[in-house]
């Protein structure tokens, strides 16, 4: 099990709190800020367990999103930033991170 601290942001849109891991481009939502953060941690942990090292590094560098047909701005259109924060996740990565 590896522990990672990643950057995140919480937004408000239409009564829902939208949570985004800004480092990896993974998102979730919840009815409260805390619920949105908890759901994001779960989504990141589950996604990391199936992610290759190449995809992980590509997401961190931004290269993974270069060919995307939708931008982060389009995803978050109409959202109000509530807070920038960090999340700590624990996941069984299929590769070893060098620190």
PDB file of N, CA and C in Angstrom:
ATOM      1  N   UNK A   1       0.853  -1.171   0.000  1.00  0.00           N
ATOM      2  CA  UNK A   1       0.000   0.000   0.000  1.00  0.00           C
ATOM      3  C   UNK A   1       0.901   1.237   0.000  1.00  0.00           C
ATOM      4  N   UNK A   2       0.636   2.132  -0.923  1.00  0.00           N
ATOM      5  CA  UNK A   2       1.402   3.374  -0.995  1.00  0.00           C
ATOM      6  C   UNK A   2       0.491   4.545  -0.652  1.00  0.00           C
ATOM      7  N   UNK A   3       1.063   5.531  -0.013  1.00  0.00           N
ATOM      8  CA  UNK A   3       0.315   6.726   0.387  1.00  0.00           C
ATOM      9  C   UNK A   3       0.782   7.900  -0.467  1.00  0.00           C
ATOM     10  N   UNK A   4      -0.186   8.625  -1.021  1.00  0.00           N
ATOM     11  CA  UNK A   4       0.100   9.782  -1.855  1.00  0.00           C
ATOM     12  C   UNK A   4      -0.689  10.984  -1.358  1.00  0.00           C
ATOM     13  N   UNK A   5      -0.092  12.146  -1.428  1.00  0.00           N
ATOM     14  CA  UNK A   5      -0.801  13.392  -1.172  1.00  0.00           C
ATOM     15  C   UNK A   5      -0.911  14.124  -2.493  1.00  0.00           C
ATOM     16  N   UNK A   6      -2.137  14.446  -2.884  1.00  0.00           N
ATOM     17  CA  UNK A   6      -2.416  15.052  -4.175  1.00  0.00           C
ATOM     18  C   UNK A   6      -3.225  16.327  -3.997  1.00  0.00           C
ATOM     19  N   UNK A   7      -3.144  17.209  -4.984  1.00  0.00           N
ATOM     20  CA  UNK A   7      -3.907  18.449  -4.966  1.00  0.00           C
ATOM     21  C   UNK A   7      -5.330  18.201  -5.425  1.00  0.00           C
ATOM     22  N   UNK A   8      -6.251  18.940  -4.815  1.00  0.00           N
ATOM     23  CA  UNK A   8      -7.665  18.789  -5.146  1.00  0.00           C
ATOM     24  C   UNK A   8      -8.353  20.146  -5.060  1.00  0.00           C
ATOM     25  N   UNK A   9      -9.560  20.195  -5.587  1.00  0.00           N
ATOM     26  CA  UNK A   9     -10.383  21.399  -5.506  1.00  0.00           C
ATOM     27  C   UNK A   9     -11.832  20.967  -5.367  1.00  0.00           C
ATOM     28  N   UNK A  10     -12.587  21.765  -4.621  1.00  0.00           N
ATOM     29  CA  UNK A  10     -14.019  21.519  -4.422  1.00  0.00           C
ATOM     30  C   UNK A  10     -14.782  22.699  -5.027  1.00  0.00           C
ATOM     31  N   UNK A  11     -15.775  22.388  -5.840  1.00  0.00           N
ATOM     32  CA  UNK A  11     -16.591  23.396  -6.510  1.00  0.00           C
ATOM     33  C   UNK A  11     -18.050  23.192  -6.126  1.00  0.00           C
ATOM     34  N   UNK A  12     -18.838  24.232  -6.316  1.00  0.00           N
ATOM     35  CA  UNK A  12     -20.277  24.142  -6.104  1.00  0.00           C
ATOM     36  C   UNK A  12     -20.971  24.388  -7.438  1.00  0.00           C
ATOM     37  N   UNK A  13     -21.889  23.487  -7.789  1.00  0.00           N
ATOM     38  CA  UNK A  13     -22.665  23.639  -9.021  1.00  0.00           C
ATOM     39  C   UNK A  13     -24.049  23.039  -8.803  1.00  0.00           C
ATOM     40  N   UNK A  14     -25.064  23.871  -8.961  1.00  0.00           N
ATOM     41  CA  UNK A  14     -26.453  23.423  -8.873  1.00  0.00           C
ATOM     42  C   UNK A  14     -26.743  22.630  -7.599  1.00  0.00           C
ATOM     43  N   UNK A  15     -26.194  23.079  -6.467  1.00  0.00           N
ATOM     44  CA  UNK A  15     -26.468  22.438  -5.189  1.00  0.00           C
ATOM     45  C   UNK A  15     -25.620  21.212  -4.888  1.00  0.00           C
ATOM     46  N   UNK A  16     -24.741  20.830  -5.797  1.00  0.00           N
ATOM     47  CA  UNK A  16     -23.856  19.684  -5.591  1.00  0.00           C
ATOM     48  C   UNK A  16     -22.423  20.184  -5.450  1.00  0.00           C
ATOM     49  N   UNK A  17     -21.659  19.496  -4.623  1.00  0.00           N
ATOM     50  CA  UNK A  17     -20.240  19.796  -4.493  1.00  0.00           C
ATOM     51  C   UNK A  17     -19.475  18.859  -5.419  1.00  0.00           C
ATOM     52  N   UNK A  18     -18.735  19.457  -6.329  1.00  0.00           N
ATOM     53  CA  UNK A  18     -17.951  18.727  -7.322  1.00  0.00           C
ATOM     54  C   UNK A  18     -16.513  18.715  -6.832  1.00  0.00           C
ATOM     55  N   UNK A  19     -15.915  17.548  -6.727  1.00  0.00           N
ATOM     56  CA  UNK A  19     -14.533  17.430  -6.262  1.00  0.00           C
ATOM     57  C   UNK A  19     -13.663  16.944  -7.419  1.00  0.00           C
ATOM     58  N   UNK A  20     -12.488  17.557  -7.545  1.00  0.00           N
ATOM     59  CA  UNK A  20     -11.562  17.203  -8.617  1.00  0.00           C
ATOM     60  C   UNK A  20     -10.169  17.022  -8.047  1.00  0.00           C
ATOM     61  N   UNK A  21      -9.515  15.929  -8.401  1.00  0.00           N
ATOM     62  CA  UNK A  21      -8.089  15.777  -8.120  1.00  0.00           C
ATOM     63  C   UNK A  21      -7.388  16.483  -9.274  1.00  0.00           C
ATOM     64  N   UNK A  22      -6.860  17.658  -9.006  1.00  0.00           N
ATOM     65  CA  UNK A  22      -6.285  18.471 -10.066  1.00  0.00           C
ATOM     66  C   UNK A  22      -4.992  17.877 -10.618  1.00  0.00           C
ATOM     67  N   UNK A  23      -4.315  17.053  -9.851  1.00  0.00           N
ATOM     68  CA  UNK A  23      -3.088  16.411 -10.336  1.00  0.00           C
ATOM     69  C   UNK A  23      -3.381  15.329 -11.362  1.00  0.00           C
ATOM     70  N   UNK A  24      -4.458  14.566 -11.158  1.00  0.00           N
ATOM     71  CA  UNK A  24      -4.720  13.399 -11.993  1.00  0.00           C
ATOM     72  C   UNK A  24      -5.958  13.535 -12.875  1.00  0.00           C
ATOM     73  N   UNK A  25      -6.726  14.602 -12.717  1.00  0.00           N
ATOM     74  CA  UNK A  25      -7.910  14.792 -13.546  1.00  0.00           C
ATOM     75  C   UNK A  25      -9.034  13.818 -13.242  1.00  0.00           C
ATOM     76  N   UNK A  26      -9.149  13.430 -11.987  1.00  0.00           N
ATOM     77  CA  UNK A  26     -10.197  12.504 -11.561  1.00  0.00           C
ATOM     78  C   UNK A  26     -11.219  13.309 -10.763  1.00  0.00           C
ATOM     79  N   UNK A  27     -12.499  13.020 -10.946  1.00  0.00           N
ATOM     80  CA  UNK A  27     -13.516  13.785 -10.269  1.00  0.00           C
ATOM     81  C   UNK A  27     -14.588  12.934  -9.622  1.00  0.00           C
ATOM     82  N   UNK A  28     -15.338  13.575  -8.727  1.00  0.00           N
ATOM     83  CA  UNK A  28     -16.476  12.947  -8.082  1.00  0.00           C
ATOM     84  C   UNK A  28     -17.398  14.061  -7.609  1.00  0.00           C
ATOM     85  N   UNK A  29     -18.382  13.715  -6.809  1.00  0.00           N
ATOM     86  CA  UNK A  29     -19.301  14.716  -6.279  1.00  0.00           C
ATOM     87  C   UNK A  29     -19.930  14.213  -4.992  1.00  0.00           C
ATOM     88  N   UNK A  30     -20.571  15.130  -4.273  1.00  0.00           N
ATOM     89  CA  UNK A  30     -21.258  14.764  -3.051  1.00  0.00           C
ATOM     90  C   UNK A  30     -22.234  15.844  -2.637  1.00  0.00           C
ATOM     91  N   UNK A  31     -23.045  15.532  -1.655  1.00  0.00           N
ATOM     92  CA  UNK A  31     -24.055  16.475  -1.181  1.00  0.00           C
ATOM     93  C   UNK A  31     -23.489  17.519  -0.237  1.00  0.00           C
ATOM     94  N   UNK A  32     -22.320  17.249   0.362  1.00  0.00           N
ATOM     95  CA  UNK A  32     -21.624  18.197   1.227  1.00  0.00           C
ATOM     96  C   UNK A  32     -20.159  18.245   0.799  1.00  0.00           C
ATOM     97  N   UNK A  33     -19.434  19.227   1.309  1.00  0.00           N
ATOM     98  CA  UNK A  33     -18.008  19.316   0.993  1.00  0.00           C
ATOM     99  C   UNK A  33     -17.284  18.064   1.458  1.00  0.00           C
ATOM    100  N   UNK A  34     -17.552  17.643   2.691  1.00  0.00           N
ATOM    101  CA  UNK A  34     -16.882  16.453   3.228  1.00  0.00           C
ATOM    102  C   UNK A  34     -17.229  15.201   2.429  1.00  0.00           C
ATOM    103  N   UNK A  35     -18.483  15.070   2.037  1.00  0.00           N
ATOM    104  CA  UNK A  35     -18.901  13.905   1.259  1.00  0.00           C
ATOM    105  C   UNK A  35     -18.225  13.915  -0.113  1.00  0.00           C
ATOM    106  N   UNK A  36     -18.134  15.083  -0.734  1.00  0.00           N
ATOM    107  CA  UNK A  36     -17.469  15.191  -2.039  1.00  0.00           C
ATOM    108  C   UNK A  36     -15.995  14.822  -1.920  1.00  0.00           C
ATOM    109  N   UNK A  37     -15.345  15.250  -0.833  1.00  0.00           N
ATOM    110  CA  UNK A  37     -13.933  14.924  -0.614  1.00  0.00           C
ATOM    111  C   UNK A  37     -13.763  13.415  -0.398  1.00  0.00           C
ATOM    112  N   UNK A  38     -14.635  12.815   0.414  1.00  0.00           N
ATOM    113  CA  UNK A  38     -14.566  11.371   0.668  1.00  0.00           C
ATOM    114  C   UNK A  38     -14.772  10.569  -0.623  1.00  0.00           C
ATOM    115  N   UNK A  39     -15.736  10.998  -1.427  1.00  0.00           N
ATOM    116  CA  UNK A  39     -16.014  10.300  -2.684  1.00  0.00           C
ATOM    117  C   UNK A  39     -14.846  10.445  -3.654  1.00  0.00           C
ATOM    118  N   UNK A  40     -14.179  11.605  -3.634  1.00  0.00           N
ATOM    119  CA  UNK A  40     -13.006  11.806  -4.492  1.00  0.00           C
ATOM    120  C   UNK A  40     -11.870  10.889  -4.069  1.00  0.00           C
ATOM    121  N   UNK A  41     -11.633  10.789  -2.775  1.00  0.00           N
ATOM    122  CA  UNK A  41     -10.563   9.905  -2.290  1.00  0.00           C
ATOM    123  C   UNK A  41     -10.831   8.479  -2.751  1.00  0.00           C
ATOM    124  N   UNK A  42     -12.057   8.025  -2.617  1.00  0.00           N
ATOM    125  CA  UNK A  42     -12.412   6.675  -3.059  1.00  0.00           C
ATOM    126  C   UNK A  42     -12.211   6.511  -4.563  1.00  0.00           C
ATOM    127  N   UNK A  43     -12.635   7.498  -5.337  1.00  0.00           N
ATOM    128  CA  UNK A  43     -12.485   7.423  -6.797  1.00  0.00           C
ATOM    129  C   UNK A  43     -11.016   7.388  -7.204  1.00  0.00           C
ATOM    130  N   UNK A  44     -10.194   8.208  -6.552  1.00  0.00           N
ATOM    131  CA  UNK A  44      -8.762   8.234  -6.868  1.00  0.00           C
ATOM    132  C   UNK A  44      -8.112   6.905  -6.497  1.00  0.00           C
ATOM    133  N   UNK A  45      -8.423   6.390  -5.316  1.00  0.00           N
ATOM    134  CA  UNK A  45      -7.828   5.113  -4.892  1.00  0.00           C
ATOM    135  C   UNK A  45      -8.190   3.988  -5.856  1.00  0.00           C
ATOM    136  N   UNK A  46      -9.447   3.905  -6.241  1.00  0.00           N
ATOM    137  CA  UNK A  46      -9.872   2.846  -7.162  1.00  0.00           C
ATOM    138  C   UNK A  46      -9.236   3.007  -8.535  1.00  0.00           C
ATOM    139  N   UNK A  47      -9.143   4.234  -9.010  1.00  0.00           N
ATOM    140  CA  UNK A  47      -8.548   4.482 -10.326  1.00  0.00           C
ATOM    141  C   UNK A  47      -7.058   4.152 -10.314  1.00  0.00           C
ATOM    142  N   UNK A  48      -6.370   4.535  -9.249  1.00  0.00           N
ATOM    143  CA  UNK A  48      -4.930   4.272  -9.159  1.00  0.00           C
ATOM    144  C   UNK A  48      -4.611   2.783  -9.192  1.00  0.00           C
ATOM    145  N   UNK A  49      -5.470   1.971  -8.622  1.00  0.00           N
ATOM    146  CA  UNK A  49      -5.198   0.541  -8.556  1.00  0.00           C
ATOM    147  C   UNK A  49      -5.203  -0.126  -9.933  1.00  0.00           C
ATOM    148  N   UNK A  50      -5.811   0.528 -10.931  1.00  0.00           N
ATOM    149  CA  UNK A  50      -5.836  -0.010 -12.288  1.00  0.00           C
ATOM    150  C   UNK A  50      -4.990   0.809 -13.258  1.00  0.00           C
ATOM    151  N   UNK A  51      -4.237   1.764 -12.758  1.00  0.00           N
ATOM    152  CA  UNK A  51      -3.494   2.681 -13.605  1.00  0.00           C
ATOM    153  C   UNK A  51      -2.067   2.181 -13.832  1.00  0.00           C
ATOM    154  N   UNK A  52      -1.594   2.307 -15.046  1.00  0.00           N
ATOM    155  CA  UNK A  52      -0.204   1.953 -15.342  1.00  0.00           C
ATOM    156  C   UNK A  52       0.701   3.109 -14.910  1.00  0.00           C
ATOM    157  N   UNK A  53       1.961   2.811 -14.745  1.00  0.00           N
ATOM    158  CA  UNK A  53       2.919   3.860 -14.381  1.00  0.00           C
ATOM    159  C   UNK A  53       2.981   4.915 -15.482  1.00  0.00           C
ATOM    160  N   UNK A  54       2.905   4.498 -16.736  1.00  0.00           N
ATOM    161  CA  UNK A  54       2.945   5.434 -17.857  1.00  0.00           C
ATOM    162  C   UNK A  54       1.742   6.387 -17.801  1.00  0.00           C
ATOM    163  N   UNK A  55       0.546   5.862 -17.531  1.00  0.00           N
ATOM    164  CA  UNK A  55      -0.629   6.722 -17.430  1.00  0.00           C
ATOM    165  C   UNK A  55      -0.510   7.664 -16.242  1.00  0.00           C
ATOM    166  N   UNK A  56      -0.050   7.153 -15.100  1.00  0.00           N
ATOM    167  CA  UNK A  56       0.119   7.978 -13.904  1.00  0.00           C
ATOM    168  C   UNK A  56       1.053   9.146 -14.194  1.00  0.00           C
ATOM    169  N   UNK A  57       2.205   8.848 -14.776  1.00  0.00           N
ATOM    170  CA  UNK A  57       3.182   9.897 -15.075  1.00  0.00           C
ATOM    171  C   UNK A  57       2.644  10.862 -16.132  1.00  0.00           C
ATOM    172  N   UNK A  58       1.899  10.341 -17.107  1.00  0.00           N
ATOM    173  CA  UNK A  58       1.296  11.190 -18.123  1.00  0.00           C
ATOM    174  C   UNK A  58       0.259  12.135 -17.545  1.00  0.00           C
ATOM    175  N   UNK A  59      -0.536  11.628 -16.608  1.00  0.00           N
ATOM    176  CA  UNK A  59      -1.534  12.487 -15.967  1.00  0.00           C
ATOM    177  C   UNK A  59      -0.861  13.581 -15.151  1.00  0.00           C
ATOM    178  N   UNK A  60       0.197  13.240 -14.417  1.00  0.00           N
ATOM    179  CA  UNK A  60       0.895  14.242 -13.613  1.00  0.00           C
ATOM    180  C   UNK A  60       1.538  15.314 -14.482  1.00  0.00           C
ATOM    181  N   UNK A  61       2.034  14.935 -15.644  1.00  0.00           N
ATOM    182  CA  UNK A  61       2.719  15.889 -16.518  1.00  0.00           C
ATOM    183  C   UNK A  61       1.757  16.690 -17.382  1.00  0.00           C
ATOM    184  N   UNK A  62       0.506  16.257 -17.457  1.00  0.00           N
ATOM    185  CA  UNK A  62      -0.459  16.927 -18.318  1.00  0.00           C
ATOM    186  C   UNK A  62      -0.516  16.341 -19.714  1.00  0.00           C
ATOM    187  N   UNK A  63       0.435  15.475 -20.071  1.00  0.00           N
ATOM    188  CA  UNK A  63       0.475  14.895 -21.414  1.00  0.00           C
ATOM    189  C   UNK A  63      -0.727  14.004 -21.687  1.00  0.00           C
ATOM    190  N   UNK A  64      -1.254  13.372 -20.661  1.00  0.00           N
ATOM    191  CA  UNK A  64      -2.387  12.468 -20.814  1.00  0.00           C
ATOM    192  C   UNK A  64      -3.606  13.198 -21.363  1.00  0.00           C
ATOM    193  N   UNK A  65      -3.744  14.469 -21.010  1.00  0.00           N
ATOM    194  CA  UNK A  65      -4.923  15.246 -21.389  1.00  0.00           C
ATOM    195  C   UNK A  65      -4.731  16.024 -22.686  1.00  0.00           C
ATOM    196  N   UNK A  66      -3.547  15.975 -23.266  1.00  0.00           N
ATOM    197  CA  UNK A  66      -3.270  16.762 -24.475  1.00  0.00           C
ATOM    198  C   UNK A  66      -4.199  16.386 -25.622  1.00  0.00           C
ATOM    199  N   UNK A  67      -4.612  15.143 -25.715  1.00  0.00           N
ATOM    200  CA  UNK A  67      -5.475  14.692 -26.807  1.00  0.00           C
ATOM    201  C   UNK A  67      -6.949  14.662 -26.442  1.00  0.00           C
ATOM    202  N   UNK A  68      -7.291  15.193 -25.286  1.00  0.00           N
ATOM    203  CA  UNK A  68      -8.679  15.186 -24.840  1.00  0.00           C
ATOM    204  C   UNK A  68      -9.513  16.134 -25.692  1.00  0.00           C
ATOM    205  N   UNK A  69     -10.749  15.748 -25.929  1.00  0.00           N
ATOM    206  CA  UNK A  69     -11.645  16.574 -26.723  1.00  0.00           C
ATOM    207  C   UNK A  69     -12.413  17.568 -25.870  1.00  0.00           C
ATOM    208  N   UNK A  70     -12.252  17.501 -24.566  1.00  0.00           N
ATOM    209  CA  UNK A  70     -12.912  18.438 -23.657  1.00  0.00           C
ATOM    210  C   UNK A  70     -11.878  18.963 -22.673  1.00  0.00           C
ATOM    211  N   UNK A  71     -11.963  20.244 -22.385  1.00  0.00           N
ATOM    212  CA  UNK A  71     -10.998  20.862 -21.481  1.00  0.00           C
ATOM    213  C   UNK A  71     -11.524  20.863 -20.051  1.00  0.00           C
ATOM    214  N   UNK A  72     -10.635  21.061 -19.122  1.00  0.00           N
ATOM    215  CA  UNK A  72     -11.002  21.168 -17.712  1.00  0.00           C
ATOM    216  C   UNK A  72     -11.967  22.347 -17.514  1.00  0.00           C
ATOM    217  N   UNK A  73     -11.738  23.422 -18.258  1.00  0.00           N
ATOM    218  CA  UNK A  73     -12.611  24.590 -18.160  1.00  0.00           C
ATOM    219  C   UNK A  73     -14.039  24.242 -18.589  1.00  0.00           C
ATOM    220  N   UNK A  74     -14.175  23.439 -19.627  1.00  0.00           N
ATOM    221  CA  UNK A  74     -15.508  23.032 -20.079  1.00  0.00           C
ATOM    222  C   UNK A  74     -16.188  22.131 -19.051  1.00  0.00           C
ATOM    223  N   UNK A  75     -15.423  21.260 -18.422  1.00  0.00           N
ATOM    224  CA  UNK A  75     -15.972  20.378 -17.393  1.00  0.00           C
ATOM    225  C   UNK A  75     -16.512  21.205 -16.226  1.00  0.00           C
ATOM    226  N   UNK A  76     -15.788  22.252 -15.875  1.00  0.00           N
ATOM    227  CA  UNK A  76     -16.124  23.030 -14.688  1.00  0.00           C
ATOM    228  C   UNK A  76     -16.919  24.304 -14.998  1.00  0.00           C
ATOM    229  N   UNK A  77     -17.417  24.429 -16.212  1.00  0.00           N
ATOM    230  CA  UNK A  77     -18.189  25.605 -16.586  1.00  0.00           C
ATOM    231  C   UNK A  77     -19.402  25.743 -15.664  1.00  0.00           C
ATOM    232  N   UNK A  78     -19.579  26.923 -15.112  1.00  0.00           N
ATOM    233  CA  UNK A  78     -20.704  27.175 -14.214  1.00  0.00           C
ATOM    234  C   UNK A  78     -20.446  26.774 -12.772  1.00  0.00           C
ATOM    235  N   UNK A  79     -19.259  26.276 -12.482  1.00  0.00           N
ATOM    236  CA  UNK A  79     -18.925  25.873 -11.112  1.00  0.00           C
ATOM    237  C   UNK A  79     -18.260  27.033 -10.370  1.00  0.00           C
ATOM    238  N   UNK A  80     -18.529  27.113  -9.082  1.00  0.00           N
ATOM    239  CA  UNK A  80     -17.898  28.112  -8.219  1.00  0.00           C
ATOM    240  C   UNK A  80     -16.868  27.410  -7.338  1.00  0.00           C
ATOM    241  N   UNK A  81     -15.613  27.855  -7.402  1.00  0.00           N
ATOM    242  CA  UNK A  81     -14.567  27.267  -6.569  1.00  0.00           C
ATOM    243  C   UNK A  81     -14.850  27.572  -5.107  1.00  0.00           C
ATOM    244  N   UNK A  82     -14.945  26.528  -4.298  1.00  0.00           N
ATOM    245  CA  UNK A  82     -15.192  26.669  -2.861  1.00  0.00           C
ATOM    246  C   UNK A  82     -13.877  26.591  -2.090  1.00  0.00           C
ATOM    247  N   UNK A  83     -13.028  25.632  -2.433  1.00  0.00           N
ATOM    248  CA  UNK A  83     -11.738  25.518  -1.755  1.00  0.00           C
ATOM    249  C   UNK A  83     -10.753  24.697  -2.565  1.00  0.00           C
ATOM    250  N   UNK A  84      -9.485  25.065  -2.420  1.00  0.00           N
ATOM    251  CA  UNK A  84      -8.384  24.257  -2.929  1.00  0.00           C
ATOM    252  C   UNK A  84      -7.810  23.541  -1.714  1.00  0.00           C
ATOM    253  N   UNK A  85      -7.477  22.283  -1.864  1.00  0.00           N
ATOM    254  CA  UNK A  85      -7.025  21.501  -0.723  1.00  0.00           C
ATOM    255  C   UNK A  85      -6.113  20.384  -1.210  1.00  0.00           C
ATOM    256  N   UNK A  86      -5.717  19.546  -0.313  1.00  0.00           N
ATOM    257  CA  UNK A  86      -4.981  18.340  -0.681  1.00  0.00           C
ATOM    258  C   UNK A  86      -5.729  17.142  -0.103  1.00  0.00           C
ATOM    259  N   UNK A  87      -5.539  16.010  -0.745  1.00  0.00           N
ATOM    260  CA  UNK A  87      -6.118  14.762  -0.250  1.00  0.00           C
ATOM    261  C   UNK A  87      -4.993  13.754  -0.098  1.00  0.00           C
ATOM    262  N   UNK A  88      -5.137  12.875   0.862  1.00  0.00           N
ATOM    263  CA  UNK A  88      -4.189  11.788   1.052  1.00  0.00           C
ATOM    264  C   UNK A  88      -4.910  10.492   0.727  1.00  0.00           C
ATOM    265  N   UNK A  89      -4.336   9.741  -0.186  1.00  0.00           N
ATOM    266  CA  UNK A  89      -4.934   8.481  -0.614  1.00  0.00           C
ATOM    267  C   UNK A  89      -3.963   7.345  -0.350  1.00  0.00           C
ATOM    268  N   UNK A  90      -4.519   6.157  -0.165  1.00  0.00           N
ATOM    269  CA  UNK A  90      -3.723   4.947  -0.015  1.00  0.00           C
ATOM    270  C   UNK A  90      -4.218   3.953  -1.042  1.00  0.00           C
ATOM    271  N   UNK A  91      -3.292   3.443  -1.838  1.00  0.00           N
ATOM    272  CA  UNK A  91      -3.703   2.529  -2.907  1.00  0.00           C
ATOM    273  C   UNK A  91      -2.634   1.479  -3.151  1.00  0.00           C
ATOM    274  N   UNK A  92      -3.089   0.305  -3.569  1.00  0.00           N
ATOM    275  CA  UNK A  92      -2.181  -0.746  -4.009  1.00  0.00           C
ATOM    276  C   UNK A  92      -1.862  -0.482  -5.469  1.00  0.00           C
ATOM    277  N   UNK A  93      -0.806   0.276  -5.706  1.00  0.00           N
ATOM    278  CA  UNK A  93      -0.419   0.614  -7.070  1.00  0.00           C
ATOM    279  C   UNK A  93       0.228  -0.584  -7.747  1.00  0.00           C
ATOM    280  N   UNK A  94      -0.028  -0.757  -9.046  1.00  0.00           N
ATOM    281  CA  UNK A  94       0.605  -1.857  -9.768  1.00  0.00           C
ATOM    282  C   UNK A  94       2.051  -1.542 -10.151  1.00  0.00           C
ATOM    283  N   UNK A  95       2.610  -0.472  -9.604  1.00  0.00           N
ATOM    284  CA  UNK A  95       3.993  -0.081  -9.857  1.00  0.00           C
ATOM    285  C   UNK A  95       4.516   0.597  -8.593  1.00  0.00           C
ATOM    286  N   UNK A  96       5.816   0.776  -8.501  1.00  0.00           N
ATOM    287  CA  UNK A  96       6.420   1.388  -7.329  1.00  0.00           C
ATOM    288  C   UNK A  96       6.831   2.812  -7.658  1.00  0.00           C
ATOM    289  N   UNK A  97       6.408   3.732  -6.831  1.00  0.00           N
ATOM    290  CA  UNK A  97       6.798   5.139  -7.011  1.00  0.00           C
ATOM    291  C   UNK A  97       8.165   5.362  -6.428  1.00  0.00           C
ATOM    292  N   UNK A  98       8.995   6.119  -7.143  1.00  0.00           N
ATOM    293  CA  UNK A  98      10.281   6.517  -6.583  1.00  0.00           C
ATOM    294  C   UNK A  98      10.087   7.919  -6.015  1.00  0.00           C
ATOM    295  N   UNK A  99      10.434   8.098  -4.767  1.00  0.00           N
ATOM    296  CA  UNK A  99      10.195   9.390  -4.107  1.00  0.00           C
ATOM    297  C   UNK A  99      11.405  10.257  -4.206  1.00  0.00           C
TER     298      UNK A  99
END
